[in-house]
Amino acid sequence: MKTWTVEFDTRAARELRALDHTTRRRILRFLRQRIAGDEDPRRLGRPLKGQSVPLWRYRVGDHRLVCSIEDDRLIVLVVRLGHRKEVYRR
């Protein structure tokens, strides 16, 4: 069984720290239990359309995580996270 590693881009780490404690714990639990422990992290997400680099989104309540999946290194890199109304804005 593959074990995936979850990493945070500096911007995503900053966005995570800005969230309230309960939301932060919920997101980290989701990443640790559902994404890192899954054989294929794409199974739980959806691809973002119109991107030059293939990105995936995951839904955790009202928040969204935008991730890049690196199959060769077994890494899920969180590049953005935030409330669903704001996360897709640049």
C-alpha atoms as a PDB file:
ATOM      1  CA  MET A   1       0.000   0.000   0.000  1.00  0.00           C
ATOM      2  CA  LYS A   2       1.271   3.462  -0.914  1.00  0.00           C
ATOM      3  CA  THR A   3       1.648   6.059   1.806  1.00  0.00           C
ATOM      4  CA  TRP A   4       1.253   9.622   0.640  1.00  0.00           C
ATOM      5  CA  THR A   5       2.934  12.591   2.269  1.00  0.00           C
ATOM      6  CA  VAL A   6       1.037  15.858   2.613  1.00  0.00           C
ATOM      7  CA  GLU A   7       3.068  19.067   2.374  1.00  0.00           C
ATOM      8  CA  PHE A   8       2.101  22.737   2.408  1.00  0.00           C
ATOM      9  CA  ASP A   9       3.267  25.500   0.102  1.00  0.00           C
ATOM     10  CA  THR A  10       4.305  28.587   2.122  1.00  0.00           C
ATOM     11  CA  ARG A  11       1.140  30.454   1.082  1.00  0.00           C
ATOM     12  CA  ALA A  12      -1.097  27.526   2.059  1.00  0.00           C
ATOM     13  CA  ALA A  13       0.683  27.171   5.415  1.00  0.00           C
ATOM     14  CA  ARG A  14       0.034  30.853   6.084  1.00  0.00           C
ATOM     15  CA  GLU A  15      -3.630  30.442   5.106  1.00  0.00           C
ATOM     16  CA  LEU A  16      -3.941  27.425   7.414  1.00  0.00           C
ATOM     17  CA  ARG A  17      -2.507  29.340  10.380  1.00  0.00           C
ATOM     18  CA  ALA A  18      -5.030  32.144   9.783  1.00  0.00           C
ATOM     19  CA  LEU A  19      -7.995  29.787  10.262  1.00  0.00           C
ATOM     20  CA  ASP A  20      -9.722  29.219  13.585  1.00  0.00           C
ATOM     21  CA  HIS A  21      -8.565  26.282  15.695  1.00  0.00           C
ATOM     22  CA  THR A  22     -11.566  24.025  15.003  1.00  0.00           C
ATOM     23  CA  THR A  23     -11.411  24.445  11.224  1.00  0.00           C
ATOM     24  CA  ARG A  24      -7.648  23.961  11.202  1.00  0.00           C
ATOM     25  CA  ARG A  25      -7.961  20.689  13.155  1.00  0.00           C
ATOM     26  CA  ARG A  26     -10.716  19.467  10.852  1.00  0.00           C
ATOM     27  CA  ILE A  27      -8.614  20.128   7.733  1.00  0.00           C
ATOM     28  CA  LEU A  28      -5.497  18.533   9.194  1.00  0.00           C
ATOM     29  CA  ARG A  29      -7.482  15.463  10.299  1.00  0.00           C
ATOM     30  CA  PHE A  30      -8.956  15.152   6.789  1.00  0.00           C
ATOM     31  CA  LEU A  31      -5.496  15.336   5.210  1.00  0.00           C
ATOM     32  CA  ARG A  32      -3.949  12.893   7.663  1.00  0.00           C
ATOM     33  CA  GLN A  33      -6.718  10.289   7.709  1.00  0.00           C
ATOM     34  CA  ARG A  34      -8.374  10.486   4.298  1.00  0.00           C
ATOM     35  CA  ILE A  35      -5.684  11.733   1.896  1.00  0.00           C
ATOM     36  CA  ALA A  36      -2.395  10.431   3.298  1.00  0.00           C
ATOM     37  CA  GLY A  37      -3.961   7.078   4.152  1.00  0.00           C
ATOM     38  CA  ASP A  38      -5.614   6.504   0.772  1.00  0.00           C
ATOM     39  CA  GLU A  39      -4.192   4.435  -2.058  1.00  0.00           C
ATOM     40  CA  ASP A  40      -5.202   7.098  -4.614  1.00  0.00           C
ATOM     41  CA  PRO A  41      -5.782  10.668  -3.358  1.00  0.00           C
ATOM     42  CA  ARG A  42      -7.566  11.572  -6.610  1.00  0.00           C
ATOM     43  CA  ARG A  43     -10.481   9.361  -5.601  1.00  0.00           C
ATOM     44  CA  LEU A  44     -11.646  11.882  -2.996  1.00  0.00           C
ATOM     45  CA  GLY A  45     -11.112  15.077  -5.007  1.00  0.00           C
ATOM     46  CA  ARG A  46     -12.066  16.710  -8.267  1.00  0.00           C
ATOM     47  CA  PRO A  47      -9.769  18.133 -10.931  1.00  0.00           C
ATOM     48  CA  LEU A  48      -9.781  21.889 -11.444  1.00  0.00           C
ATOM     49  CA  LYS A  49     -10.601  22.842 -15.000  1.00  0.00           C
ATOM     50  CA  GLY A  50      -8.740  25.378 -17.086  1.00  0.00           C
ATOM     51  CA  GLN A  51      -5.404  25.064 -15.311  1.00  0.00           C
ATOM     52  CA  SER A  52      -2.080  24.730 -17.132  1.00  0.00           C
ATOM     53  CA  VAL A  53      -0.829  22.596 -14.232  1.00  0.00           C
ATOM     54  CA  PRO A  54      -3.251  19.851 -13.184  1.00  0.00           C
ATOM     55  CA  LEU A  55      -4.615  20.753  -9.757  1.00  0.00           C
ATOM     56  CA  TRP A  56      -7.109  18.919  -7.569  1.00  0.00           C
ATOM     57  CA  ARG A  57      -9.612  20.296  -5.095  1.00  0.00           C
ATOM     58  CA  TYR A  58     -10.879  18.753  -1.908  1.00  0.00           C
ATOM     59  CA  ARG A  59     -13.918  19.837   0.059  1.00  0.00           C
ATOM     60  CA  VAL A  60     -13.802  20.029   3.853  1.00  0.00           C
ATOM     61  CA  GLY A  61     -17.060  21.619   4.985  1.00  0.00           C
ATOM     62  CA  ASP A  62     -17.186  25.165   3.613  1.00  0.00           C
ATOM     63  CA  HIS A  63     -13.448  25.176   2.926  1.00  0.00           C
ATOM     64  CA  ARG A  64     -11.579  24.034  -0.155  1.00  0.00           C
ATOM     65  CA  LEU A  65      -8.048  22.728  -0.519  1.00  0.00           C
ATOM     66  CA  VAL A  66      -6.317  23.147  -3.872  1.00  0.00           C
ATOM     67  CA  CYS A  67      -3.542  20.584  -4.282  1.00  0.00           C
ATOM     68  CA  SER A  68      -0.934  19.378  -6.703  1.00  0.00           C
ATOM     69  CA  ILE A  69      -0.368  15.609  -6.735  1.00  0.00           C
ATOM     70  CA  GLU A  70       3.153  14.376  -7.438  1.00  0.00           C
ATOM     71  CA  ASP A  71       2.874  10.664  -8.261  1.00  0.00           C
ATOM     72  CA  ASP A  72       6.595  10.027  -8.649  1.00  0.00           C
ATOM     73  CA  ARG A  73       7.336  11.261  -5.087  1.00  0.00           C
ATOM     74  CA  LEU A  74       3.973  10.292  -3.492  1.00  0.00           C
ATOM     75  CA  ILE A  75       3.362  13.875  -2.342  1.00  0.00           C
ATOM     76  CA  VAL A  76       0.131  15.836  -2.137  1.00  0.00           C
ATOM     77  CA  LEU A  77       1.170  19.499  -2.077  1.00  0.00           C
ATOM     78  CA  VAL A  78      -1.451  21.906  -0.727  1.00  0.00           C
ATOM     79  CA  VAL A  79      -1.022  25.136  -2.700  1.00  0.00           C
ATOM     80  CA  ARG A  80      -4.138  27.065  -1.551  1.00  0.00           C
ATOM     81  CA  LEU A  81      -6.815  26.685   1.056  1.00  0.00           C
ATOM     82  CA  GLY A  82      -9.648  28.831   2.232  1.00  0.00           C
ATOM     83  CA  HIS A  83     -13.368  29.412   2.301  1.00  0.00           C
ATOM     84  CA  ARG A  84     -15.171  28.183  -0.801  1.00  0.00           C
ATOM     85  CA  LYS A  85     -16.144  31.725  -1.850  1.00  0.00           C
ATOM     86  CA  GLU A  86     -12.582  33.039  -1.751  1.00  0.00           C
ATOM     87  CA  VAL A  87     -10.146  30.218  -2.486  1.00  0.00           C
ATOM     88  CA  TYR A  88     -10.386  30.311  -6.283  1.00  0.00           C
ATOM     89  CA  ARG A  89      -9.642  34.031  -6.522  1.00  0.00           C
ATOM     90  CA  ARG A  90      -6.040  34.979  -7.146  1.00  0.00           C
END
